[in-house]
Amino acid sequence: MKHYHINVFWSAADDCWIADVPDLKSCSGMGDTPEEALAEVQQAMAAWLDVAAAENLPIPEPRYRPAIYAVG
């Protein structure tokens, strides 16, 4: 599997941890802990990629990098 960046953050509005994959539209997971959110998004990412492959949909290359890495 390609190495996609995963953002993990606390959402006060949802009262839980959120993990999302910016390169994969609408691919996210939620959990009571950062670890739970990460486990959920890893399952969601595998399913997202499986469906895209089965439907012959384009699979984006990993491109997202946090702004901190853009400083040069």
PDB file of N, CA and C in Angstrom:
ATOM      1  N   MET A   1       0.848  -1.184   0.000  1.00  0.00           N
ATOM      2  CA  MET A   1       0.000   0.000   0.000  1.00  0.00           C
ATOM      3  C   MET A   1       0.888   1.240   0.000  1.00  0.00           C
ATOM      4  N   LYS A   2       0.457   2.253  -0.723  1.00  0.00           N
ATOM      5  CA  LYS A   2       1.199   3.510  -0.770  1.00  0.00           C
ATOM      6  C   LYS A   2       1.163   4.169   0.597  1.00  0.00           C
ATOM      7  N   HIS A   3       2.122   5.032   0.830  1.00  0.00           N
ATOM      8  CA  HIS A   3       2.216   5.711   2.122  1.00  0.00           C
ATOM      9  C   HIS A   3       1.561   7.085   2.049  1.00  0.00           C
ATOM     10  N   TYR A   4       0.323   7.145   2.493  1.00  0.00           N
ATOM     11  CA  TYR A   4      -0.423   8.401   2.515  1.00  0.00           C
ATOM     12  C   TYR A   4      -0.281   9.063   3.884  1.00  0.00           C
ATOM     13  N   HIS A   5      -0.217  10.396   3.879  1.00  0.00           N
ATOM     14  CA  HIS A   5      -0.164  11.145   5.137  1.00  0.00           C
ATOM     15  C   HIS A   5      -1.517  11.033   5.834  1.00  0.00           C
ATOM     16  N   ILE A   6      -1.482  10.890   7.144  1.00  0.00           N
ATOM     17  CA  ILE A   6      -2.700  10.825   7.956  1.00  0.00           C
ATOM     18  C   ILE A   6      -2.638  11.943   9.001  1.00  0.00           C
ATOM     19  N   ASN A   7      -3.659  12.787   9.021  1.00  0.00           N
ATOM     20  CA  ASN A   7      -3.793  13.807  10.058  1.00  0.00           C
ATOM     21  C   ASN A   7      -4.614  13.224  11.198  1.00  0.00           C
ATOM     22  N   VAL A   8      -4.154  13.413  12.433  1.00  0.00           N
ATOM     23  CA  VAL A   8      -4.913  12.984  13.611  1.00  0.00           C
ATOM     24  C   VAL A   8      -5.092  14.206  14.502  1.00  0.00           C
ATOM     25  N   PHE A   9      -6.344  14.491  14.869  1.00  0.00           N
ATOM     26  CA  PHE A   9      -6.612  15.683  15.675  1.00  0.00           C
ATOM     27  C   PHE A   9      -7.865  15.486  16.524  1.00  0.00           C
ATOM     28  N   TRP A  10      -7.967  16.275  17.591  1.00  0.00           N
ATOM     29  CA  TRP A  10      -9.134  16.258  18.459  1.00  0.00           C
ATOM     30  C   TRP A  10     -10.205  17.157  17.861  1.00  0.00           C
ATOM     31  N   SER A  11     -11.432  16.686  17.823  1.00  0.00           N
ATOM     32  CA  SER A  11     -12.566  17.481  17.355  1.00  0.00           C
ATOM     33  C   SER A  11     -13.507  17.723  18.525  1.00  0.00           C
ATOM     34  N   ALA A  12     -13.533  18.954  19.004  1.00  0.00           N
ATOM     35  CA  ALA A  12     -14.445  19.291  20.100  1.00  0.00           C
ATOM     36  C   ALA A  12     -15.896  19.175  19.643  1.00  0.00           C
ATOM     37  N   ALA A  13     -16.158  19.511  18.384  1.00  0.00           N
ATOM     38  CA  ALA A  13     -17.528  19.435  17.856  1.00  0.00           C
ATOM     39  C   ALA A  13     -18.049  17.999  17.868  1.00  0.00           C
ATOM     40  N   ASP A  14     -17.171  17.040  17.595  1.00  0.00           N
ATOM     41  CA  ASP A  14     -17.567  15.628  17.557  1.00  0.00           C
ATOM     42  C   ASP A  14     -17.252  14.896  18.858  1.00  0.00           C
ATOM     43  N   ASP A  15     -16.492  15.558  19.737  1.00  0.00           N
ATOM     44  CA  ASP A  15     -16.090  14.994  21.027  1.00  0.00           C
ATOM     45  C   ASP A  15     -15.341  13.666  20.859  1.00  0.00           C
ATOM     46  N   CYS A  16     -14.431  13.657  19.885  1.00  0.00           N
ATOM     47  CA  CYS A  16     -13.631  12.454  19.643  1.00  0.00           C
ATOM     48  C   CYS A  16     -12.401  12.825  18.822  1.00  0.00           C
ATOM     49  N   TRP A  17     -11.515  11.867  18.680  1.00  0.00           N
ATOM     50  CA  TRP A  17     -10.347  12.019  17.822  1.00  0.00           C
ATOM     51  C   TRP A  17     -10.740  11.690  16.382  1.00  0.00           C
ATOM     52  N   ILE A  18     -10.193  12.444  15.450  1.00  0.00           N
ATOM     53  CA  ILE A  18     -10.445  12.251  14.028  1.00  0.00           C
ATOM     54  C   ILE A  18      -9.107  11.955  13.347  1.00  0.00           C
ATOM     55  N   ALA A  19      -9.109  11.025  12.431  1.00  0.00           N
ATOM     56  CA  ALA A  19      -7.951  10.772  11.576  1.00  0.00           C
ATOM     57  C   ALA A  19      -8.446  10.854  10.139  1.00  0.00           C
ATOM     58  N   ASP A  20      -7.749  11.633   9.318  1.00  0.00           N
ATOM     59  CA  ASP A  20      -8.173  11.714   7.921  1.00  0.00           C
ATOM     60  C   ASP A  20      -6.976  11.646   6.986  1.00  0.00           C
ATOM     61  N   VAL A  21      -7.252  11.231   5.762  1.00  0.00           N
ATOM     62  CA  VAL A  21      -6.234  11.089   4.720  1.00  0.00           C
ATOM     63  C   VAL A  21      -6.529  12.145   3.660  1.00  0.00           C
ATOM     64  N   PRO A  22      -5.789  13.265   3.667  1.00  0.00           N
ATOM     65  CA  PRO A  22      -6.104  14.352   2.750  1.00  0.00           C
ATOM     66  C   PRO A  22      -6.090  13.963   1.268  1.00  0.00           C
ATOM     67  N   ASP A  23      -5.249  13.019   0.886  1.00  0.00           N
ATOM     68  CA  ASP A  23      -5.167  12.630  -0.523  1.00  0.00           C
ATOM     69  C   ASP A  23      -6.337  11.765  -0.989  1.00  0.00           C
ATOM     70  N   LEU A  24      -7.079  11.178  -0.050  1.00  0.00           N
ATOM     71  CA  LEU A  24      -8.199  10.298  -0.402  1.00  0.00           C
ATOM     72  C   LEU A  24      -9.495  10.962   0.064  1.00  0.00           C
ATOM     73  N   LYS A  25     -10.250  11.477  -0.871  1.00  0.00           N
ATOM     74  CA  LYS A  25     -11.455  12.250  -0.559  1.00  0.00           C
ATOM     75  C   LYS A  25     -12.416  11.462   0.334  1.00  0.00           C
ATOM     76  N   SER A  26     -12.831  12.097   1.414  1.00  0.00           N
ATOM     77  CA  SER A  26     -13.812  11.543   2.367  1.00  0.00           C
ATOM     78  C   SER A  26     -13.329  10.272   3.056  1.00  0.00           C
ATOM     79  N   CYS A  27     -12.025  10.122   3.239  1.00  0.00           N
ATOM     80  CA  CYS A  27     -11.480   8.949   3.920  1.00  0.00           C
ATOM     81  C   CYS A  27     -11.050   9.372   5.320  1.00  0.00           C
ATOM     82  N   SER A  28     -11.802   8.930   6.322  1.00  0.00           N
ATOM     83  CA  SER A  28     -11.500   9.324   7.701  1.00  0.00           C
ATOM     84  C   SER A  28     -11.969   8.253   8.675  1.00  0.00           C
ATOM     85  N   GLY A  29     -11.522   8.406   9.912  1.00  0.00           N
ATOM     86  CA  GLY A  29     -11.930   7.516  10.989  1.00  0.00           C
ATOM     87  C   GLY A  29     -12.043   8.307  12.271  1.00  0.00           C
ATOM     88  N   MET A  30     -12.801   7.774  13.225  1.00  0.00           N
ATOM     89  CA  MET A  30     -13.024   8.449  14.500  1.00  0.00           C
ATOM     90  C   MET A  30     -12.771   7.462  15.633  1.00  0.00           C
ATOM     91  N   GLY A  31     -12.390   8.005  16.809  1.00  0.00           N
ATOM     92  CA  GLY A  31     -12.196   7.135  17.950  1.00  0.00           C
ATOM     93  C   GLY A  31     -12.083   7.910  19.247  1.00  0.00           C
ATOM     94  N   ASP A  32     -12.178   7.185  20.357  1.00  0.00           N
ATOM     95  CA  ASP A  32     -12.042   7.799  21.676  1.00  0.00           C
ATOM     96  C   ASP A  32     -10.593   8.145  21.998  1.00  0.00           C
ATOM     97  N   THR A  33      -9.659   7.525  21.291  1.00  0.00           N
ATOM     98  CA  THR A  33      -8.232   7.801  21.466  1.00  0.00           C
ATOM     99  C   THR A  33      -7.615   8.021  20.088  1.00  0.00           C
ATOM    100  N   PRO A  34      -6.444   8.659  20.045  1.00  0.00           N
ATOM    101  CA  PRO A  34      -5.773   8.803  18.746  1.00  0.00           C
ATOM    102  C   PRO A  34      -5.511   7.447  18.092  1.00  0.00           C
ATOM    103  N   GLU A  35      -5.170   6.453  18.902  1.00  0.00           N
ATOM    104  CA  GLU A  35      -4.889   5.117  18.380  1.00  0.00           C
ATOM    105  C   GLU A  35      -6.126   4.483  17.746  1.00  0.00           C
ATOM    106  N   GLU A  36      -7.291   4.667  18.371  1.00  0.00           N
ATOM    107  CA  GLU A  36      -8.536   4.137  17.808  1.00  0.00           C
ATOM    108  C   GLU A  36      -8.864   4.821  16.483  1.00  0.00           C
ATOM    109  N   ALA A  37      -8.692   6.139  16.436  1.00  0.00           N
ATOM    110  CA  ALA A  37      -8.960   6.872  15.197  1.00  0.00           C
ATOM    111  C   ALA A  37      -8.015   6.415  14.093  1.00  0.00           C
ATOM    112  N   LEU A  38      -6.750   6.196  14.431  1.00  0.00           N
ATOM    113  CA  LEU A  38      -5.780   5.733  13.447  1.00  0.00           C
ATOM    114  C   LEU A  38      -6.134   4.336  12.929  1.00  0.00           C
ATOM    115  N   ALA A  39      -6.521   3.438  13.827  1.00  0.00           N
ATOM    116  CA  ALA A  39      -6.921   2.089  13.408  1.00  0.00           C
ATOM    117  C   ALA A  39      -8.136   2.151  12.486  1.00  0.00           C
ATOM    118  N   GLU A  40      -9.099   3.009  12.808  1.00  0.00           N
ATOM    119  CA  GLU A  40     -10.297   3.157  11.980  1.00  0.00           C
ATOM    120  C   GLU A  40      -9.956   3.687  10.590  1.00  0.00           C
ATOM    121  N   VAL A  41      -9.088   4.703  10.529  1.00  0.00           N
ATOM    122  CA  VAL A  41      -8.766   5.285   9.227  1.00  0.00           C
ATOM    123  C   VAL A  41      -7.929   4.317   8.390  1.00  0.00           C
ATOM    124  N   GLN A  42      -7.138   3.482   9.020  1.00  0.00           N
ATOM    125  CA  GLN A  42      -6.381   2.488   8.251  1.00  0.00           C
ATOM    126  C   GLN A  42      -7.324   1.477   7.599  1.00  0.00           C
ATOM    127  N   GLN A  43      -8.370   1.094   8.300  1.00  0.00           N
ATOM    128  CA  GLN A  43      -9.381   0.203   7.702  1.00  0.00           C
ATOM    129  C   GLN A  43     -10.129   0.925   6.590  1.00  0.00           C
ATOM    130  N   ALA A  44     -10.484   2.186   6.829  1.00  0.00           N
ATOM    131  CA  ALA A  44     -11.196   2.977   5.823  1.00  0.00           C
ATOM    132  C   ALA A  44     -10.332   3.173   4.577  1.00  0.00           C
ATOM    133  N   MET A  45      -9.037   3.410   4.772  1.00  0.00           N
ATOM    134  CA  MET A  45      -8.135   3.606   3.645  1.00  0.00           C
ATOM    135  C   MET A  45      -8.032   2.331   2.801  1.00  0.00           C
ATOM    136  N   ALA A  46      -7.903   1.189   3.446  1.00  0.00           N
ATOM    137  CA  ALA A  46      -7.846  -0.083   2.716  1.00  0.00           C
ATOM    138  C   ALA A  46      -9.120  -0.293   1.913  1.00  0.00           C
ATOM    139  N   ALA A  47     -10.276  -0.012   2.518  1.00  0.00           N
ATOM    140  CA  ALA A  47     -11.557  -0.166   1.821  1.00  0.00           C
ATOM    141  C   ALA A  47     -11.666   0.834   0.669  1.00  0.00           C
ATOM    142  N   TRP A  48     -11.247   2.072   0.894  1.00  0.00           N
ATOM    143  CA  TRP A  48     -11.295   3.111  -0.146  1.00  0.00           C
ATOM    144  C   TRP A  48     -10.497   2.660  -1.353  1.00  0.00           C
ATOM    145  N   LEU A  49      -9.270   2.183  -1.117  1.00  0.00           N
ATOM    146  CA  LEU A  49      -8.399   1.759  -2.210  1.00  0.00           C
ATOM    147  C   LEU A  49      -8.939   0.515  -2.910  1.00  0.00           C
ATOM    148  N   ASP A  50      -9.520  -0.424  -2.154  1.00  0.00           N
ATOM    149  CA  ASP A  50     -10.108  -1.626  -2.750  1.00  0.00           C
ATOM    150  C   ASP A  50     -11.262  -1.268  -3.689  1.00  0.00           C
ATOM    151  N   VAL A  51     -12.140  -0.384  -3.240  1.00  0.00           N
ATOM    152  CA  VAL A  51     -13.286   0.024  -4.063  1.00  0.00           C
ATOM    153  C   VAL A  51     -12.808   0.761  -5.313  1.00  0.00           C
ATOM    154  N   ALA A  52     -11.854   1.675  -5.142  1.00  0.00           N
ATOM    155  CA  ALA A  52     -11.342   2.416  -6.296  1.00  0.00           C
ATOM    156  C   ALA A  52     -10.737   1.459  -7.322  1.00  0.00           C
ATOM    157  N   ALA A  53      -9.983   0.482  -6.860  1.00  0.00           N
ATOM    158  CA  ALA A  53      -9.373  -0.485  -7.777  1.00  0.00           C
ATOM    159  C   ALA A  53     -10.447  -1.335  -8.459  1.00  0.00           C
ATOM    160  N   ALA A  54     -11.437  -1.790  -7.703  1.00  0.00           N
ATOM    161  CA  ALA A  54     -12.500  -2.639  -8.258  1.00  0.00           C
ATOM    162  C   ALA A  54     -13.342  -1.889  -9.288  1.00  0.00           C
ATOM    163  N   GLU A  55     -13.498  -0.595  -9.086  1.00  0.00           N
ATOM    164  CA  GLU A  55     -14.322   0.221  -9.986  1.00  0.00           C
ATOM    165  C   GLU A  55     -13.490   0.908 -11.073  1.00  0.00           C
ATOM    166  N   ASN A  56     -12.209   0.578 -11.130  1.00  0.00           N
ATOM    167  CA  ASN A  56     -11.293   1.212 -12.094  1.00  0.00           C
ATOM    168  C   ASN A  56     -11.296   2.737 -11.985  1.00  0.00           C
ATOM    169  N   LEU A  57     -11.383   3.234 -10.761  1.00  0.00           N
ATOM    170  CA  LEU A  57     -11.329   4.671 -10.512  1.00  0.00           C
ATOM    171  C   LEU A  57      -9.878   5.092 -10.295  1.00  0.00           C
ATOM    172  N   PRO A  58      -9.559   6.348 -10.584  1.00  0.00           N
ATOM    173  CA  PRO A  58      -8.178   6.799 -10.389  1.00  0.00           C
ATOM    174  C   PRO A  58      -7.797   6.778  -8.904  1.00  0.00           C
ATOM    175  N   ILE A  59      -6.603   6.297  -8.649  1.00  0.00           N
ATOM    176  CA  ILE A  59      -6.071   6.277  -7.283  1.00  0.00           C
ATOM    177  C   ILE A  59      -4.978   7.337  -7.219  1.00  0.00           C
ATOM    178  N   PRO A  60      -5.194   8.371  -6.409  1.00  0.00           N
ATOM    179  CA  PRO A  60      -4.224   9.469  -6.376  1.00  0.00           C
ATOM    180  C   PRO A  60      -2.887   9.044  -5.763  1.00  0.00           C
ATOM    181  N   GLU A  61      -1.841   9.675  -6.269  1.00  0.00           N
ATOM    182  CA  GLU A  61      -0.524   9.489  -5.672  1.00  0.00           C
ATOM    183  C   GLU A  61      -0.493  10.243  -4.345  1.00  0.00           C
ATOM    184  N   PRO A  62       0.273   9.746  -3.380  1.00  0.00           N
ATOM    185  CA  PRO A  62       0.424  10.483  -2.123  1.00  0.00           C
ATOM    186  C   PRO A  62       1.170  11.795  -2.388  1.00  0.00           C
ATOM    187  N   ARG A  63       0.517  12.902  -2.158  1.00  0.00           N
ATOM    188  CA  ARG A  63       1.129  14.211  -2.413  1.00  0.00           C
ATOM    189  C   ARG A  63       1.093  15.130  -1.197  1.00  0.00           C
ATOM    190  N   TYR A  64       0.099  14.964  -0.343  1.00  0.00           N
ATOM    191  CA  TYR A  64      -0.080  15.891   0.773  1.00  0.00           C
ATOM    192  C   TYR A  64       1.104  15.843   1.724  1.00  0.00           C
ATOM    193  N   ARG A  65       1.591  17.008   2.106  1.00  0.00           N
ATOM    194  CA  ARG A  65       2.604  17.138   3.143  1.00  0.00           C
ATOM    195  C   ARG A  65       2.207  18.323   4.016  1.00  0.00           C
ATOM    196  N   PRO A  66       2.309  18.186   5.327  1.00  0.00           N
ATOM    197  CA  PRO A  66       1.980  19.305   6.207  1.00  0.00           C
ATOM    198  C   PRO A  66       2.838  20.517   5.879  1.00  0.00           C
ATOM    199  N   ALA A  67       2.325  21.688   6.167  1.00  0.00           N
ATOM    200  CA  ALA A  67       3.006  22.953   5.840  1.00  0.00           C
ATOM    201  C   ALA A  67       4.413  23.012   6.437  1.00  0.00           C
ATOM    202  N   ILE A  68       4.630  22.365   7.561  1.00  0.00           N
ATOM    203  CA  ILE A  68       5.947  22.422   8.202  1.00  0.00           C
ATOM    204  C   ILE A  68       7.045  21.903   7.267  1.00  0.00           C
ATOM    205  N   TYR A  69       6.704  20.974   6.380  1.00  0.00           N
ATOM    206  CA  TYR A  69       7.695  20.424   5.464  1.00  0.00           C
ATOM    207  C   TYR A  69       7.916  21.309   4.244  1.00  0.00           C
ATOM    208  N   ALA A  70       7.059  22.292   4.042  1.00  0.00           N
ATOM    209  CA  ALA A  70       7.191  23.205   2.909  1.00  0.00           C
ATOM    210  C   ALA A  70       8.206  24.315   3.199  1.00  0.00           C
ATOM    211  N   VAL A  71       8.552  24.507   4.470  1.00  0.00           N
ATOM    212  CA  VAL A  71       9.516  25.546   4.849  1.00  0.00           C
ATOM    213  C   VAL A  71      10.884  25.120   4.344  1.00  0.00           C
ATOM    214  N   GLY A  72      11.510  25.966   3.601  1.00  0.00           N
ATOM    215  CA  GLY A  72      12.782  25.532   3.044  1.00  0.00           C
ATOM    216  C   GLY A  72      13.730  26.631   2.943  1.00  0.00           C
TER     217      GLY A  72
END
